[in-house]
N, C-alpha and C. Protein backbone atom coordinates (compact mmCIF):
# COMPACT_ATOMS: atom_id res chain seq x y z
N UNK A 1 -4.60 43.29 -31.63
CA UNK A 1 -3.87 41.85 -32.12
C UNK A 1 -2.65 40.92 -32.13
N UNK A 2 -1.90 41.87 -30.43
CA UNK A 2 -1.45 41.23 -29.68
C UNK A 2 -1.54 40.39 -28.94
N UNK A 3 -3.30 40.72 -28.04
CA UNK A 3 -4.32 39.79 -27.25
C UNK A 3 -4.15 39.00 -27.42
N UNK A 4 -4.60 39.60 -28.97
CA UNK A 4 -5.75 37.82 -29.83
C UNK A 4 -4.52 36.40 -30.27
N UNK A 5 -3.50 36.76 -30.17
CA UNK A 5 -2.14 35.87 -29.79
C UNK A 5 -1.18 35.13 -28.85
N UNK A 6 -2.00 36.47 -28.24
CA UNK A 6 -1.40 35.47 -26.82
C UNK A 6 -2.28 35.16 -26.49
N UNK A 7 -3.59 35.34 -26.73
CA UNK A 7 -5.21 34.68 -26.11
C UNK A 7 -4.88 33.41 -27.09
N UNK A 8 -4.42 33.16 -28.17
CA UNK A 8 -4.63 32.13 -28.99
C UNK A 8 -2.85 31.37 -28.16
N UNK A 9 -2.04 32.10 -28.25
CA UNK A 9 -1.21 30.62 -28.04
C UNK A 9 -1.71 29.89 -26.72
N UNK A 10 -2.22 30.31 -25.68
CA UNK A 10 -2.53 30.07 -24.00
C UNK A 10 -3.14 28.53 -24.48
N UNK A 11 -4.21 29.14 -26.05
CA UNK A 11 -5.40 28.35 -25.87
C UNK A 11 -4.67 26.76 -26.57
N UNK A 12 -3.88 27.20 -26.96
CA UNK A 12 -2.77 25.98 -27.90
C UNK A 12 -2.42 25.03 -26.91
N UNK A 13 -1.77 25.78 -25.80
CA UNK A 13 -0.96 25.38 -24.44
C UNK A 13 -2.04 25.17 -22.92
N UNK A 14 -3.04 24.95 -23.29
CA UNK A 14 -3.70 24.54 -22.44
C UNK A 14 -4.13 23.22 -23.05
N UNK A 15 -4.68 23.12 -24.80
CA UNK A 15 -4.72 22.05 -25.55
C UNK A 15 -4.30 20.84 -25.80
N UNK A 16 -3.31 21.43 -25.51
CA UNK A 16 -1.90 20.65 -25.78
C UNK A 16 -1.60 19.14 -25.03
N UNK A 17 -2.41 19.29 -23.68
CA UNK A 17 -1.76 18.37 -23.08
C UNK A 17 -2.96 16.84 -23.19
N UNK A 18 -3.90 17.25 -24.35
CA UNK A 18 -5.18 16.16 -24.43
C UNK A 18 -4.25 15.50 -25.21
N UNK A 19 -3.41 16.40 -26.28
CA UNK A 19 -3.54 15.26 -27.28
C UNK A 19 -2.74 14.24 -27.34
N UNK A 20 -1.85 14.09 -26.04
CA UNK A 20 -0.41 12.21 -25.81
C UNK A 20 -1.19 12.39 -25.21
N UNK A 21 -2.64 12.36 -24.46
CA UNK A 21 -3.63 11.07 -23.81
C UNK A 21 -3.23 9.83 -23.95
N UNK A 22 -3.24 8.79 -23.64
CA UNK A 22 -3.45 7.68 -23.52
C UNK A 22 -4.10 6.84 -23.11
N UNK A 23 -5.09 5.49 -24.45
CA UNK A 23 -6.10 4.86 -23.83
C UNK A 23 -5.88 4.43 -22.44
N UNK A 24 -6.84 4.10 -22.22
CA UNK A 24 -6.95 3.47 -20.51
C UNK A 24 -7.82 1.93 -19.85
N UNK A 25 -7.79 1.85 -22.08
CA UNK A 25 -8.68 0.31 -22.42
C UNK A 25 -7.40 -0.38 -21.93
N UNK A 26 -5.77 -0.22 -22.40
CA UNK A 26 -4.85 -0.18 -22.57
C UNK A 26 -4.20 -1.36 -21.57
N UNK A 27 -3.95 -0.04 -20.12
CA UNK A 27 -3.92 -0.87 -18.70
C UNK A 27 -5.22 -1.58 -18.33
N UNK A 28 -6.04 -1.58 -18.66
CA UNK A 28 -6.98 -2.62 -18.03
C UNK A 28 -6.98 -4.86 -18.20
N UNK A 29 -6.03 -4.82 -19.09
CA UNK A 29 -5.72 -5.83 -20.05
C UNK A 29 -4.34 -6.42 -19.33
N UNK A 30 -3.32 -5.03 -19.44
CA UNK A 30 -2.19 -4.97 -18.17
C UNK A 30 -2.03 -5.93 -16.59
N UNK A 31 -2.94 -5.40 -16.16
CA UNK A 31 -3.57 -5.48 -15.27
C UNK A 31 -3.33 -7.38 -14.75
N UNK A 32 -2.98 -7.59 -13.72
CA UNK A 32 -2.63 -9.10 -13.08
C UNK A 32 -4.65 -9.22 -12.28
N UNK A 33 -5.44 -9.95 -11.80
CA UNK A 33 -5.65 -10.68 -11.43
C UNK A 33 -5.99 -10.93 -9.93
N UNK A 34 -6.33 -10.14 -8.22
CA UNK A 34 -5.88 -10.39 -7.35
C UNK A 34 -5.71 -11.48 -6.62
N UNK A 35 -5.57 -11.72 -5.33
CA UNK A 35 -5.67 -13.41 -4.92
C UNK A 35 -6.21 -12.84 -3.91
N UNK A 36 -6.76 -14.24 -3.20
CA UNK A 36 -7.59 -13.56 -1.72
C UNK A 36 -6.61 -13.04 -1.08
N UNK A 37 -7.09 -11.90 -0.34
CA UNK A 37 -6.33 -11.46 0.85
C UNK A 37 -5.20 -12.21 1.70
N UNK A 38 -6.41 -13.85 2.41
CA UNK A 38 -6.12 -14.61 3.19
C UNK A 38 -4.94 -15.48 2.68
N UNK A 39 -4.76 -15.27 1.01
CA UNK A 39 -4.17 -16.38 0.85
C UNK A 39 -2.85 -16.42 0.88
N UNK A 40 -2.19 -15.32 1.79
CA UNK A 40 -0.70 -15.27 2.18
C UNK A 40 0.39 -14.50 1.45
N UNK A 41 1.33 -14.13 2.01
CA UNK A 41 2.59 -13.30 1.34
C UNK A 41 3.57 -14.01 0.51
N UNK A 42 4.27 -13.72 -0.09
CA UNK A 42 5.45 -13.88 -0.67
C UNK A 42 7.01 -14.38 0.06
N UNK A 43 7.83 -15.24 -0.26
CA UNK A 43 8.33 -16.32 0.83
C UNK A 43 9.45 -14.92 1.88
N UNK A 44 9.98 -13.90 0.60
CA UNK A 44 9.93 -12.96 0.89
C UNK A 44 10.18 -11.56 2.27
N UNK A 45 8.73 -11.60 2.48
CA UNK A 45 7.72 -10.50 3.10
C UNK A 45 7.67 -11.55 4.56
N UNK A 46 7.84 -13.14 4.70
CA UNK A 46 7.35 -13.34 6.70
C UNK A 46 7.98 -13.27 7.39
N UNK A 47 9.29 -11.68 6.97
CA UNK A 47 9.20 -11.38 7.94
C UNK A 47 8.09 -10.49 8.97
N UNK A 48 6.70 -10.38 7.27
CA UNK A 48 6.31 -8.85 8.24
C UNK A 48 4.67 -9.91 8.39
N UNK A 49 4.40 -11.30 8.61
CA UNK A 49 3.63 -11.67 8.52
C UNK A 49 3.75 -11.73 10.38
N UNK A 50 2.33 -11.60 10.79
CA UNK A 50 1.28 -11.37 12.37
C UNK A 50 1.64 -13.05 12.39
N UNK A 51 2.22 -13.67 14.06
CA UNK A 51 2.62 -14.99 14.91
C UNK A 51 0.06 -15.05 14.85
N UNK A 52 0.17 -16.03 15.17
CA UNK A 52 -1.15 -16.47 15.29
C UNK A 52 -1.82 -16.71 13.25
N UNK A 53 -1.25 -16.14 12.78
CA UNK A 53 -1.91 -16.83 10.63
C UNK A 53 -1.08 -16.92 10.59
N UNK A 54 -2.22 -18.25 9.92
CA UNK A 54 -1.71 -19.33 8.47
C UNK A 54 -1.79 -18.50 7.70
N UNK A 55 -1.38 -18.59 6.05
CA UNK A 55 -1.26 -18.43 4.95
C UNK A 55 -3.09 -19.37 4.60
N UNK A 56 -3.47 -19.18 3.90
CA UNK A 56 -4.71 -19.26 3.10
C UNK A 56 -5.64 -20.01 3.89
N UNK A 57 -5.21 -19.57 5.86
CA UNK A 57 -6.38 -20.15 6.42
C UNK A 57 -7.75 -18.36 6.51
N UNK A 58 -8.76 -18.45 5.83
CA UNK A 58 -9.17 -18.07 6.13
C UNK A 58 -9.90 -17.29 7.33
N UNK A 59 -10.25 -17.49 8.27
CA UNK A 59 -10.82 -18.10 10.37
C UNK A 59 -9.32 -17.23 10.74
N UNK A 60 -8.09 -17.97 10.29
CA UNK A 60 -6.70 -17.11 11.76
C UNK A 60 -6.35 -15.72 10.63
N UNK A 61 -6.53 -15.31 9.69
CA UNK A 61 -6.94 -13.97 8.51
C UNK A 61 -8.10 -12.60 9.89
N UNK A 62 -9.62 -13.39 9.55
CA UNK A 62 -10.04 -13.09 9.87
C UNK A 62 -10.27 -12.48 10.67
N UNK A 63 -9.71 -13.51 12.39
CA UNK A 63 -8.83 -12.98 13.39
C UNK A 63 -8.20 -12.39 13.50
N UNK A 64 -7.05 -12.27 12.47
CA UNK A 64 -6.00 -11.30 12.37
C UNK A 64 -6.53 -9.92 12.55
N UNK A 65 -7.48 -9.97 11.57
CA UNK A 65 -8.48 -8.46 10.80
C UNK A 65 -8.85 -8.12 12.27
N UNK A 66 -10.14 -8.68 13.02
CA UNK A 66 -10.62 -7.95 14.15
C UNK A 66 -10.26 -7.29 15.03
N UNK A 67 -8.71 -8.41 16.19
CA UNK A 67 -8.35 -7.64 16.77
C UNK A 67 -7.48 -6.88 15.94
N UNK A 68 -6.60 -6.62 14.83
CA UNK A 68 -6.36 -4.80 14.40
C UNK A 68 -7.85 -3.75 14.80
N UNK A 69 -8.44 -3.80 14.70
CA UNK A 69 -9.62 -3.38 14.27
C UNK A 69 -9.90 -2.86 15.85
N UNK A 70 -9.86 -4.31 16.85
CA UNK A 70 -10.36 -4.15 17.95
C UNK A 70 -8.99 -2.40 19.15
N UNK A 71 -7.90 -2.48 18.11
CA UNK A 71 -6.68 -2.42 17.90
C UNK A 71 -6.64 -0.96 18.20
N UNK A 72 -7.85 -0.32 16.95
CA UNK A 72 -7.53 0.70 17.04
C UNK A 72 -8.35 1.55 17.62
N UNK A 73 -10.32 0.53 18.12
CA UNK A 73 -11.57 1.03 18.38
C UNK A 73 -11.09 1.55 20.12
N UNK A 74 -11.02 3.14 20.24
CA UNK A 74 -10.75 3.83 21.15
C UNK A 74 -11.71 3.93 22.15
N UNK A 75 -13.49 3.42 22.05
CA UNK A 75 -14.08 2.58 23.12
C UNK A 75 -12.85 1.67 23.28
N UNK A 76 -13.00 0.65 22.55
CA UNK A 76 -12.56 -1.15 23.50
C UNK A 76 -11.46 -0.25 24.39
N UNK A 77 -10.42 0.12 24.12
CA UNK A 77 -9.32 0.01 24.37
C UNK A 77 -9.29 1.26 25.94
N UNK A 78 -10.62 2.02 26.05
CA UNK A 78 -10.18 2.94 27.12
C UNK A 78 -11.74 1.74 28.26
N UNK A 79 -12.14 1.54 27.73
CA UNK A 79 -13.09 1.16 29.05
C UNK A 79 -12.78 -0.88 28.48
N UNK A 80 -11.96 -1.47 28.41
CA UNK A 80 -11.27 -2.59 28.90
C UNK A 80 -10.17 -1.80 30.05
N UNK A 81 -9.10 -0.80 29.76
CA UNK A 81 -8.47 -0.31 30.71
C UNK A 81 -9.14 -0.42 32.78
N UNK A 82 -7.90 -0.60 32.88
CA UNK A 82 -8.35 -0.93 34.70
C UNK A 82 -8.38 0.37 34.99
N UNK A 83 -9.30 0.75 36.04
CA UNK A 83 -9.91 1.95 36.54
C UNK A 83 -8.20 2.10 37.06
N UNK A 84 -7.59 1.62 37.73
CA UNK A 84 -6.37 2.32 38.67
C UNK A 84 -5.00 2.65 37.26
N UNK A 85 -6.06 2.02 36.28
CA UNK A 85 -4.14 2.52 35.57
C UNK A 85 -3.83 3.82 34.92
N UNK A 86 -5.95 3.79 34.69
CA UNK A 86 -6.45 5.00 33.62
C UNK A 86 -6.61 6.78 34.34
N UNK A 87 -6.16 6.36 36.02
CA UNK A 87 -6.84 7.53 36.69
C UNK A 87 -5.05 8.35 36.71
N UNK A 88 -5.16 9.46 36.92
CA UNK A 88 -4.14 10.28 37.41
C UNK A 88 -4.07 10.08 38.70
N UNK A 89 -2.16 10.29 38.69
CA UNK A 89 -1.78 10.31 39.53
C UNK A 89 -2.41 10.75 40.72
N UNK A 90 -2.66 10.58 42.56
CA UNK A 90 -2.66 11.55 42.91
C UNK A 90 -1.53 12.76 42.91
N UNK A 91 -1.55 13.58 43.49
CA UNK A 91 -1.00 15.11 43.37
C UNK A 91 -0.82 14.84 45.14
N UNK A 92 -0.07 15.35 45.98
CA UNK A 92 0.93 15.92 47.51
C UNK A 92 0.61 17.31 47.38
N UNK A 93 0.25 17.76 48.70
CA UNK A 93 -0.65 19.06 48.50
C UNK A 93 1.10 19.83 49.47
N UNK A 94 1.70 20.38 49.14
CA UNK A 94 2.68 21.18 49.63
C UNK A 94 2.63 21.61 50.49
N UNK A 95 3.17 21.39 51.96
CA UNK A 95 3.29 21.66 53.31
C UNK A 95 3.13 22.87 53.44
N UNK A 96 2.62 23.39 54.24
CA UNK A 96 1.66 24.98 54.42
C UNK A 96 2.49 25.04 55.08
N UNK A 97 3.41 26.77 54.57
CA UNK A 97 4.23 27.42 55.61
C UNK A 97 3.50 28.46 56.53
N UNK A 98 4.57 28.24 57.62
CA UNK A 98 4.67 29.03 58.83
C UNK A 98 4.19 29.93 58.30
N UNK A 99 3.34 30.61 58.94
CA UNK A 99 2.55 32.30 59.72
C UNK A 99 4.43 33.33 59.62
N UNK A 100 5.11 33.72 59.12
CA UNK A 100 6.18 34.63 59.52
C UNK A 100 5.31 35.42 60.61
N UNK A 101 6.50 35.73 61.57
CA UNK A 101 6.48 36.14 62.95
C UNK A 101 6.39 37.77 62.95
N UNK A 102 5.39 38.09 63.50
CA UNK A 102 6.18 40.18 63.63
C UNK A 102 6.56 40.42 64.00
N UNK A 103 7.43 41.14 64.24
CA UNK A 103 9.59 41.71 64.47
C UNK A 103 8.38 42.16 65.42
């Protein structure tokens, strides 16, 4: 009997969160429509705006996005680097020690 009571209590606790679930249709009404990404930042965020980008200009927005993507492209970064910059510095060989003289 004790086991049945614990099982019933466990089922009740497991089903309890379902009683307090809210309708998700409510939240959809409160969301505002998104603006175009290239439309610009608010005045407080001007410190975070990249140079060369004009708010509302879709062409400059696309150029900024393309430049950022190329900056993260490992293949483009490696192949565009100069060989001298990527080659390891030569290691100087240690001078050979003179053989020890036998007494």
